C-alpha atoms as a PDB file:
ATOM      1  CA  MET A   1      -0.065   0.055  -0.045  1.00  0.00           C
ATOM      2  CA  GLY A   2       2.956   2.351   0.637  1.00  0.00           C
ATOM      3  CA  VAL A   3       4.031   2.679  -2.930  1.00  0.00           C
ATOM      4  CA  SER A   4       0.492   3.131  -4.235  1.00  0.00           C
ATOM      5  CA  GLU A   5      -0.311   5.901  -1.691  1.00  0.00           C
ATOM      6  CA  TYR A   6       3.067   7.453  -2.263  1.00  0.00           C
ATOM      7  CA  ARG A   7       2.206   7.802  -6.020  1.00  0.00           C
ATOM      8  CA  LYS A   8      -1.087   9.389  -5.183  1.00  0.00           C
ATOM      9  CA  TRP A   9       0.651  11.867  -2.794  1.00  0.00           C
ATOM     10  CA  LYS A  10       3.368  12.592  -5.396  1.00  0.00           C
ATOM     11  CA  ARG A  11       0.828  13.394  -8.233  1.00  0.00           C
ATOM     12  CA  ASN A  12      -2.215  14.842  -6.560  1.00  0.00           C
ATOM     13  CA  GLN A  13      -2.122  18.170  -4.835  1.00  0.00           C
ATOM     14  CA  ILE A  14      -3.820  17.895  -1.437  1.00  0.00           C
ATOM     15  CA  GLU A  15      -6.794  20.232  -0.759  1.00  0.00           C
ATOM     16  CA  GLY A  16      -6.823  22.550   2.276  1.00  0.00           C
ATOM     17  CA  ASP A  17      -4.234  22.424   5.105  1.00  0.00           C
ATOM     18  CA  PRO A  18      -2.498  19.202   5.722  1.00  0.00           C
ATOM     19  CA  TYR A  19      -2.731  17.131   9.004  1.00  0.00           C
ATOM     20  CA  LEU A  20       1.074  16.827   9.187  1.00  0.00           C
ATOM     21  CA  SER A  21       4.032  18.885   7.995  1.00  0.00           C
ATOM     22  CA  VAL A  22       7.391  17.095   7.887  1.00  0.00           C
ATOM     23  CA  VAL A  23      10.269  19.535   8.016  1.00  0.00           C
ATOM     24  CA  ILE A  24      13.731  18.297   6.848  1.00  0.00           C
ATOM     25  CA  PRO A  25      16.717  20.710   7.309  1.00  0.00           C
ATOM     26  CA  THR A  26      19.346  20.073   4.664  1.00  0.00           C
ATOM     27  CA  TYR A  27      22.897  21.137   4.098  1.00  0.00           C
ATOM     28  CA  ASN A  28      25.030  19.464   1.385  1.00  0.00           C
ATOM     29  CA  GLU A  29      23.099  16.274   1.555  1.00  0.00           C
ATOM     30  CA  GLU A  30      23.370  15.177  -2.135  1.00  0.00           C
ATOM     31  CA  VAL A  31      24.320  11.638  -1.066  1.00  0.00           C
ATOM     32  CA  ARG A  32      21.398  10.697   1.075  1.00  0.00           C
ATOM     33  CA  ILE A  33      18.592  13.299   0.386  1.00  0.00           C
ATOM     34  CA  VAL A  34      16.661  11.364  -2.196  1.00  0.00           C
ATOM     35  CA  PRO A  35      16.663   8.088  -0.216  1.00  0.00           C
ATOM     36  CA  THR A  36      15.625   9.981   2.804  1.00  0.00           C
ATOM     37  CA  ILE A  37      12.747  11.651   0.981  1.00  0.00           C
ATOM     38  CA  GLY A  38      11.702   8.277  -0.403  1.00  0.00           C
ATOM     39  CA  ALA A  39      11.698   6.624   2.916  1.00  0.00           C
ATOM     40  CA  ILE A  40       9.650   9.444   4.537  1.00  0.00           C
ATOM     41  CA  ALA A  41       7.190   9.769   1.641  1.00  0.00           C
ATOM     42  CA  ASN A  42       6.549   6.049   1.395  1.00  0.00           C
ATOM     43  CA  HIS A  43       5.809   5.642   5.034  1.00  0.00           C
ATOM     44  CA  VAL A  44       3.918   8.870   5.802  1.00  0.00           C
ATOM     45  CA  SER A  45       1.766   8.385   2.641  1.00  0.00           C
ATOM     46  CA  SER A  46       0.541   4.967   3.957  1.00  0.00           C
ATOM     47  CA  LEU A  47      -0.851   6.472   7.264  1.00  0.00           C
ATOM     48  CA  GLY A  48      -4.033   7.760   5.703  1.00  0.00           C
ATOM     49  CA  PHE A  49      -3.897  11.539   6.188  1.00  0.00           C
ATOM     50  CA  ASP A  50      -2.951  14.537   4.140  1.00  0.00           C
ATOM     51  CA  TRP A  51       0.533  15.769   4.767  1.00  0.00           C
ATOM     52  CA  GLU A  52       3.201  18.011   3.251  1.00  0.00           C
ATOM     53  CA  LEU A  53       7.074  17.778   3.081  1.00  0.00           C
ATOM     54  CA  VAL A  54       9.053  20.823   3.646  1.00  0.00           C
ATOM     55  CA  VAL A  55      12.619  20.748   2.630  1.00  0.00           C
ATOM     56  CA  SER A  56      14.497  23.678   4.235  1.00  0.00           C
ATOM     57  CA  ASP A  57      17.924  24.034   2.751  1.00  0.00           C
ATOM     58  CA  ASP A  58      20.541  25.827   4.404  1.00  0.00           C
ATOM     59  CA  GLY A  59      22.750  27.137   1.677  1.00  0.00           C
ATOM     60  CA  SER A  60      23.893  23.851   0.177  1.00  0.00           C
ATOM     61  CA  THR A  61      26.727  24.174  -2.300  1.00  0.00           C
ATOM     62  CA  ASP A  62      26.400  20.689  -3.717  1.00  0.00           C
ATOM     63  CA  ALA A  63      23.556  19.210  -5.806  1.00  0.00           C
ATOM     64  CA  THR A  64      21.125  18.854  -2.978  1.00  0.00           C
ATOM     65  CA  LEU A  65      18.631  21.373  -4.245  1.00  0.00           C
ATOM     66  CA  GLU A  66      18.759  20.120  -7.847  1.00  0.00           C
ATOM     67  CA  LEU A  67      18.120  16.594  -6.804  1.00  0.00           C
ATOM     68  CA  VAL A  68      15.155  17.638  -4.639  1.00  0.00           C
ATOM     69  CA  ARG A  69      13.570  19.749  -7.418  1.00  0.00           C
ATOM     70  CA  ASP A  70      14.047  16.755  -9.810  1.00  0.00           C
ATOM     71  CA  LEU A  71      11.607  14.675  -7.781  1.00  0.00           C
ATOM     72  CA  GLU A  72       8.724  16.955  -8.670  1.00  0.00           C
ATOM     73  CA  LEU A  73       6.618  16.213  -5.683  1.00  0.00           C
ATOM     74  CA  VAL A  74       3.476  18.437  -5.817  1.00  0.00           C
ATOM     75  CA  ASN A  75       3.067  18.354  -2.138  1.00  0.00           C
ATOM     76  CA  MET A  76       6.607  19.380  -1.305  1.00  0.00           C
ATOM     77  CA  VAL A  77       7.682  22.918  -0.372  1.00  0.00           C
ATOM     78  CA  ILE A  78      11.333  23.880  -0.923  1.00  0.00           C
ATOM     79  CA  ILE A  79      12.956  26.627   0.973  1.00  0.00           C
ATOM     80  CA  GLU A  80      16.372  28.108  -0.112  1.00  0.00           C
ATOM     81  CA  ALA A  81      18.784  30.135   1.892  1.00  0.00           C
ATOM     82  CA  THR A  82      21.301  32.398   0.344  1.00  0.00           C
ATOM     83  CA  HIS A  83      23.965  31.307   2.775  1.00  0.00           C
ATOM     84  CA  ASN A  84      24.511  28.703   5.574  1.00  0.00           C
ATOM     85  CA  THR A  85      23.016  29.814   8.854  1.00  0.00           C
ATOM     86  CA  GLY A  86      22.903  26.598  10.915  1.00  0.00           C
ATOM     87  CA  LYS A  87      20.433  23.785  11.499  1.00  0.00           C
ATOM     88  CA  GLY A  88      18.364  25.978  13.870  1.00  0.00           C
ATOM     89  CA  GLY A  89      17.878  28.561  11.175  1.00  0.00           C
ATOM     90  CA  ALA A  90      16.891  26.046   8.650  1.00  0.00           C
ATOM     91  CA  VAL A  91      14.410  24.402  10.938  1.00  0.00           C
ATOM     92  CA  ARG A  92      12.861  27.835  11.935  1.00  0.00           C
ATOM     93  CA  ARG A  93      12.291  28.779   8.282  1.00  0.00           C
ATOM     94  CA  GLY A  94      10.771  25.405   7.579  1.00  0.00           C
ATOM     95  CA  VAL A  95       8.379  25.604  10.515  1.00  0.00           C
ATOM     96  CA  ALA A  96       7.331  29.167   9.498  1.00  0.00           C
ATOM     97  CA  ALA A  97       6.456  27.905   6.052  1.00  0.00           C
ATOM     98  CA  SER A  98       4.604  24.847   7.176  1.00  0.00           C
ATOM     99  CA  GLN A  99       0.781  24.486   7.160  1.00  0.00           C
ATOM    100  CA  GLY A 100       0.141  21.270   9.028  1.00  0.00           C
ATOM    101  CA  GLU A 101      -1.934  20.871  12.166  1.00  0.00           C
ATOM    102  CA  PHE A 102       1.230  19.077  13.553  1.00  0.00           C
ATOM    103  CA  ILE A 103       4.724  19.795  12.499  1.00  0.00           C
ATOM    104  CA  LEU A 104       7.703  17.245  12.787  1.00  0.00           C
ATOM    105  CA  PHE A 105      11.096  18.025  12.187  1.00  0.00           C
ATOM    106  CA  ALA A 106      13.399  15.241  11.411  1.00  0.00           C
ATOM    107  CA  ASP A 107      17.066  14.972  10.495  1.00  0.00           C
ATOM    108  CA  ALA A 108      18.174  14.402   6.860  1.00  0.00           C
ATOM    109  CA  ASP A 109      20.244  11.393   7.877  1.00  0.00           C
ATOM    110  CA  GLN A 110      17.170   9.592   9.380  1.00  0.00           C
ATOM    111  CA  SER A 111      19.185   8.649  12.455  1.00  0.00           C
ATOM    112  CA  THR A 112      15.709   8.250  14.018  1.00  0.00           C
ATOM    113  CA  PRO A 113      13.668   6.433  11.406  1.00  0.00           C
ATOM    114  CA  ILE A 114      10.384   7.938  10.206  1.00  0.00           C
ATOM    115  CA  GLU A 115       8.462   4.807  11.118  1.00  0.00           C
ATOM    116  CA  GLN A 116       8.356   6.050  14.666  1.00  0.00           C
ATOM    117  CA  ILE A 117       6.071   8.990  13.861  1.00  0.00           C
ATOM    118  CA  GLY A 118       2.855   6.994  14.493  1.00  0.00           C
ATOM    119  CA  ALA A 119       3.731   6.564  18.202  1.00  0.00           C
ATOM    120  CA  PHE A 120       4.450  10.366  18.441  1.00  0.00           C
ATOM    121  CA  ILE A 121       1.076  11.340  16.899  1.00  0.00           C
ATOM    122  CA  ASP A 122      -0.815   8.877  19.183  1.00  0.00           C
ATOM    123  CA  LYS A 123       1.039  10.409  22.130  1.00  0.00           C
ATOM    124  CA  ILE A 124       0.464  13.986  21.414  1.00  0.00           C
ATOM    125  CA  GLU A 125      -3.212  13.504  20.531  1.00  0.00           C
ATOM    126  CA  SER A 126      -4.213  10.903  23.257  1.00  0.00           C
ATOM    127  CA  GLU A 127      -2.639  12.955  25.986  1.00  0.00           C
ATOM    128  CA  GLY A 128      -3.488  16.547  24.706  1.00  0.00           C
ATOM    129  CA  LEU A 129       0.232  17.445  24.821  1.00  0.00           C
ATOM    130  CA  ASP A 130       1.880  20.341  23.004  1.00  0.00           C
ATOM    131  CA  ILE A 131       5.195  18.736  22.146  1.00  0.00           C
ATOM    132  CA  VAL A 132       6.581  15.172  21.992  1.00  0.00           C
ATOM    133  CA  ILE A 133      10.336  14.818  21.709  1.00  0.00           C
ATOM    134  CA  GLY A 134      12.456  11.809  20.771  1.00  0.00           C
ATOM    135  CA  SER A 135      14.794  10.577  23.411  1.00  0.00           C
ATOM    136  CA  ARG A 136      17.900   8.376  23.194  1.00  0.00           C
ATOM    137  CA  SER A 137      18.198   8.343  27.020  1.00  0.00           C
ATOM    138  CA  ALA A 138      14.701   7.437  28.024  1.00  0.00           C
ATOM    139  CA  GLY A 139      13.965   3.869  29.142  1.00  0.00           C
ATOM    140  CA  GLY A 140      13.373   1.659  26.086  1.00  0.00           C
ATOM    141  CA  ALA A 141      15.573   3.637  23.732  1.00  0.00           C
ATOM    142  CA  ASP A 142      17.547   1.551  21.284  1.00  0.00           C
ATOM    143  CA  VAL A 143      20.906   3.454  20.388  1.00  0.00           C
ATOM    144  CA  ALA A 144      23.330   1.914  17.971  1.00  0.00           C
ATOM    145  CA  ASN A 145      26.793   2.920  16.675  1.00  0.00           C
ATOM    146  CA  LYS A 146      27.203   5.953  18.884  1.00  0.00           C
ATOM    147  CA  SER A 147      30.870   6.574  19.638  1.00  0.00           C
ATOM    148  CA  PHE A 148      32.325   6.661  22.967  1.00  0.00           C
ATOM    149  CA  VAL A 149      33.248  10.279  22.620  1.00  0.00           C
ATOM    150  CA  ARG A 150      29.728  11.257  21.614  1.00  0.00           C
ATOM    151  CA  THR A 151      28.345   9.242  24.391  1.00  0.00           C
ATOM    152  CA  LEU A 152      30.643  10.907  26.860  1.00  0.00           C
ATOM    153  CA  LEU A 153      30.025  14.382  25.487  1.00  0.00           C
ATOM    154  CA  SER A 154      26.201  13.904  25.488  1.00  0.00           C
ATOM    155  CA  ALA A 155      26.179  12.584  29.088  1.00  0.00           C
ATOM    156  CA  GLY A 156      28.358  15.525  30.344  1.00  0.00           C
ATOM    157  CA  LEU A 157      26.289  18.200  28.542  1.00  0.00           C
ATOM    158  CA  ASN A 158      23.021  16.754  29.697  1.00  0.00           C
ATOM    159  CA  LYS A 159      24.192  16.968  33.335  1.00  0.00           C
ATOM    160  CA  ILE A 160      25.189  20.497  32.775  1.00  0.00           C
ATOM    161  CA  VAL A 161      21.915  21.425  31.066  1.00  0.00           C
ATOM    162  CA  ARG A 162      19.777  19.941  33.841  1.00  0.00           C
ATOM    163  CA  ALA A 163      21.746  21.698  36.468  1.00  0.00           C
ATOM    164  CA  ALA A 164      21.928  25.072  34.813  1.00  0.00           C
ATOM    165  CA  PHE A 165      18.454  25.274  33.261  1.00  0.00           C
ATOM    166  CA  GLY A 166      16.425  22.997  35.469  1.00  0.00           C
ATOM    167  CA  LEU A 167      15.176  20.963  32.513  1.00  0.00           C
ATOM    168  CA  ARG A 168      13.591  17.704  33.212  1.00  0.00           C
ATOM    169  CA  PHE A 169      14.256  16.269  29.885  1.00  0.00           C
ATOM    170  CA  LYS A 170      16.793  13.419  29.509  1.00  0.00           C
ATOM    171  CA  ASP A 171      17.686  14.157  25.963  1.00  0.00           C
ATOM    172  CA  THR A 172      17.264  17.707  24.460  1.00  0.00           C
ATOM    173  CA  GLN A 173      19.174  17.117  21.178  1.00  0.00           C
ATOM    174  CA  CYS A 174      17.576  14.288  19.385  1.00  0.00           C
ATOM    175  CA  GLY A 175      16.551  15.471  15.895  1.00  0.00           C
ATOM    176  CA  PHE A 176      12.934  14.079  15.994  1.00  0.00           C
ATOM    177  CA  LYS A 177      10.392  16.400  17.553  1.00  0.00           C
ATOM    178  CA  LEU A 178       6.639  16.835  17.019  1.00  0.00           C
ATOM    179  CA  PHE A 179       4.886  19.995  17.776  1.00  0.00           C
ATOM    180  CA  ARG A 180       1.203  21.223  17.577  1.00  0.00           C
ATOM    181  CA  SER A 181       1.415  23.914  14.839  1.00  0.00           C
ATOM    182  CA  ASP A 182       0.376  26.890  16.940  1.00  0.00           C
ATOM    183  CA  VAL A 183       2.611  26.008  19.694  1.00  0.00           C
ATOM    184  CA  GLY A 184       5.493  25.319  17.470  1.00  0.00           C
ATOM    185  CA  LYS A 185       5.232  28.520  15.518  1.00  0.00           C
ATOM    186  CA  LYS A 186       4.992  30.658  18.639  1.00  0.00           C
ATOM    187  CA  ILE A 187       8.145  29.076  20.072  1.00  0.00           C
ATOM    188  CA  PHE A 188      10.083  29.333  16.904  1.00  0.00           C
ATOM    189  CA  SER A 189       8.975  32.979  16.454  1.00  0.00           C
ATOM    190  CA  VAL A 190      10.789  33.992  19.665  1.00  0.00           C
ATOM    191  CA  ALA A 191      13.725  31.530  19.374  1.00  0.00           C
ATOM    192  CA  SER A 192      17.056  32.900  18.118  1.00  0.00           C
ATOM    193  CA  ILE A 193      19.696  30.206  18.263  1.00  0.00           C
ATOM    194  CA  ASP A 194      20.704  29.014  14.672  1.00  0.00           C
ATOM    195  CA  GLY A 195      23.274  26.275  15.741  1.00  0.00           C
ATOM    196  CA  PHE A 196      22.767  22.876  17.165  1.00  0.00           C
ATOM    197  CA  SER A 197      21.908  24.209  20.620  1.00  0.00           C
ATOM    198  CA  PHE A 198      18.544  25.344  19.127  1.00  0.00           C
ATOM    199  CA  ASP A 199      16.867  22.326  20.506  1.00  0.00           C
ATOM    200  CA  LEU A 200      17.929  23.314  24.055  1.00  0.00           C
ATOM    201  CA  GLU A 201      16.442  26.842  23.485  1.00  0.00           C
ATOM    202  CA  LEU A 202      13.150  25.328  22.216  1.00  0.00           C
ATOM    203  CA  LEU A 203      12.619  23.139  25.328  1.00  0.00           C
ATOM    204  CA  TYR A 204      13.689  25.854  27.661  1.00  0.00           C
ATOM    205  CA  ILE A 205      11.028  28.198  26.206  1.00  0.00           C
ATOM    206  CA  ALA A 206       8.560  25.342  26.329  1.00  0.00           C
ATOM    207  CA  GLN A 207       9.240  24.456  30.018  1.00  0.00           C
ATOM    208  CA  LYS A 208       9.102  28.172  31.087  1.00  0.00           C
ATOM    209  CA  ALA A 209       5.812  28.631  29.447  1.00  0.00           C
ATOM    210  CA  GLY A 210       4.391  25.536  31.212  1.00  0.00           C
ATOM    211  CA  LEU A 211       3.621  23.564  28.023  1.00  0.00           C
ATOM    212  CA  GLY A 212       2.922  19.888  27.907  1.00  0.00           C
ATOM    213  CA  VAL A 213       6.016  18.155  26.766  1.00  0.00           C
ATOM    214  CA  ALA A 214       6.629  14.414  26.759  1.00  0.00           C
ATOM    215  CA  GLU A 215       9.699  12.265  25.736  1.00  0.00           C
ATOM    216  CA  LEU A 216       9.341   9.026  23.965  1.00  0.00           C
ATOM    217  CA  PRO A 217      12.249   6.541  23.574  1.00  0.00           C
ATOM    218  CA  VAL A 218      13.438   6.045  19.901  1.00  0.00           C
ATOM    219  CA  GLN A 219      15.452   3.763  17.853  1.00  0.00           C
ATOM    220  CA  TRP A 220      18.476   5.772  16.864  1.00  0.00           C
ATOM    221  CA  HIS A 221      21.758   4.948  14.955  1.00  0.00           C
ATOM    222  CA  ASP A 222      24.706   7.126  14.324  1.00  0.00           C
ATOM    223  CA  ALA A 223      24.477   7.698  10.619  1.00  0.00           C
ATOM    224  CA  PRO A 224      27.635   7.160   8.543  1.00  0.00           C
ATOM    225  CA  ASP A 225      29.216  10.363   7.250  1.00  0.00           C
ATOM    226  CA  SER A 226      27.556  12.503   9.950  1.00  0.00           C
ATOM    227  CA  LYS A 227      28.518  16.219   9.627  1.00  0.00           C
ATOM    228  CA  VAL A 228      28.355  16.681  13.453  1.00  0.00           C
ATOM    229  CA  SER A 229      31.649  17.111  15.076  1.00  0.00           C
ATOM    230  CA  GLY A 230      31.121  16.322  18.683  1.00  0.00           C
ATOM    231  CA  GLY A 231      33.917  18.567  20.050  1.00  0.00           C
ATOM    232  CA  ARG A 232      32.872  21.723  18.057  1.00  0.00           C
ATOM    233  CA  VAL A 233      29.229  21.214  18.791  1.00  0.00           C
ATOM    234  CA  ALA A 234      30.013  20.992  22.450  1.00  0.00           C
ATOM    235  CA  LEU A 235      32.001  24.083  22.628  1.00  0.00           C
ATOM    236  CA  ARG A 236      29.281  26.050  20.570  1.00  0.00           C
ATOM    237  CA  PHE A 237      26.671  24.504  22.872  1.00  0.00           C
ATOM    238  CA  LEU A 238      28.389  25.793  26.082  1.00  0.00           C
ATOM    239  CA  ALA A 239      28.813  29.242  24.422  1.00  0.00           C
ATOM    240  CA  ASP A 240      25.120  29.426  23.601  1.00  0.00           C
ATOM    241  CA  MET A 241      23.987  28.591  27.093  1.00  0.00           C
ATOM    242  CA  PRO A 242      24.394  32.116  28.547  1.00  0.00           C
ATOM    243  CA  ILE A 243      22.821  33.616  25.486  1.00  0.00           C
ATOM    244  CA  ILE A 244      19.646  31.569  26.243  1.00  0.00           C
ATOM    245  CA  ILE A 245      19.668  32.683  29.911  1.00  0.00           C
ATOM    246  CA  LEU A 246      20.122  36.284  28.909  1.00  0.00           C
ATOM    247  CA  ASN A 247      17.307  36.080  26.410  1.00  0.00           C
ATOM    248  CA  HIS A 248      15.132  34.768  29.126  1.00  0.00           C
ATOM    249  CA  LEU A 249      16.036  37.481  31.604  1.00  0.00           C
ATOM    250  CA  ARG A 250      15.225  40.091  29.007  1.00  0.00           C
ATOM    251  CA  GLY A 251      11.821  38.677  28.375  1.00  0.00           C
ATOM    252  CA  ARG A 252      12.436  37.593  24.837  1.00  0.00           C
ATOM    253  CA  TYR A 253      10.718  34.237  25.261  1.00  0.00           C
ATOM    254  CA  SER A 254       7.376  35.448  26.218  1.00  0.00           C
ATOM    255  CA  LEU A 255       4.680  33.535  24.180  1.00  0.00           C
ATOM    256  CA  LYS A 256       1.891  35.907  23.369  1.00  0.00           C
ATOM    257  CA  ASP A 257      -1.590  34.687  22.157  1.00  0.00           C
END
């Protein structure tokens, strides 16, 4: 059924607003972007609701955009940036352009497979939540191929985050998060971090606003040829932490109706 439904989704423009928007941030992903889009489109198209794909490119200098355009998917939105801003900036632009009732952002490397989206939708709807986030540290998570260095850095940063920000979440950085559209757009409209610590900023804003957020354990594997350098990300992460605190103290994170 997946292939048949995918073909319908590919060729037939949906009417009205979609139920789900899937936002994929990309930067020089020519090697894996087509298989990633194929995996997402085949699975989500089989779930029985209208949805859109938002590819938010962050200034790629390779063939990523050309390959995406060549797919000619009628229910796909392509966002282009003139230069590289960072993953947070790419996701923010994708969320702003999305039209779905729910918004998922997922990494282009599919470290967290799209097949887990059903559990996230069930969770957010059945419990009336605002956000459901993937967690590689929650009980039941299945993590594969994570290097010792990344494991050590993640554990250390998580302890620092929980102490400094009072966050209750076990994993702020997993690239698989589902938002109610109105909530997601409000949070991203006041967020400012463009780098990898944007996830931390989002969850800090959500917790300060008293929003309903739940973690779900995920299957996760460290994708080959990952562009993430653990050391550089950790240093940037630490540098962004005081910026987030200052933004809060200045009242930047107020979510207005």
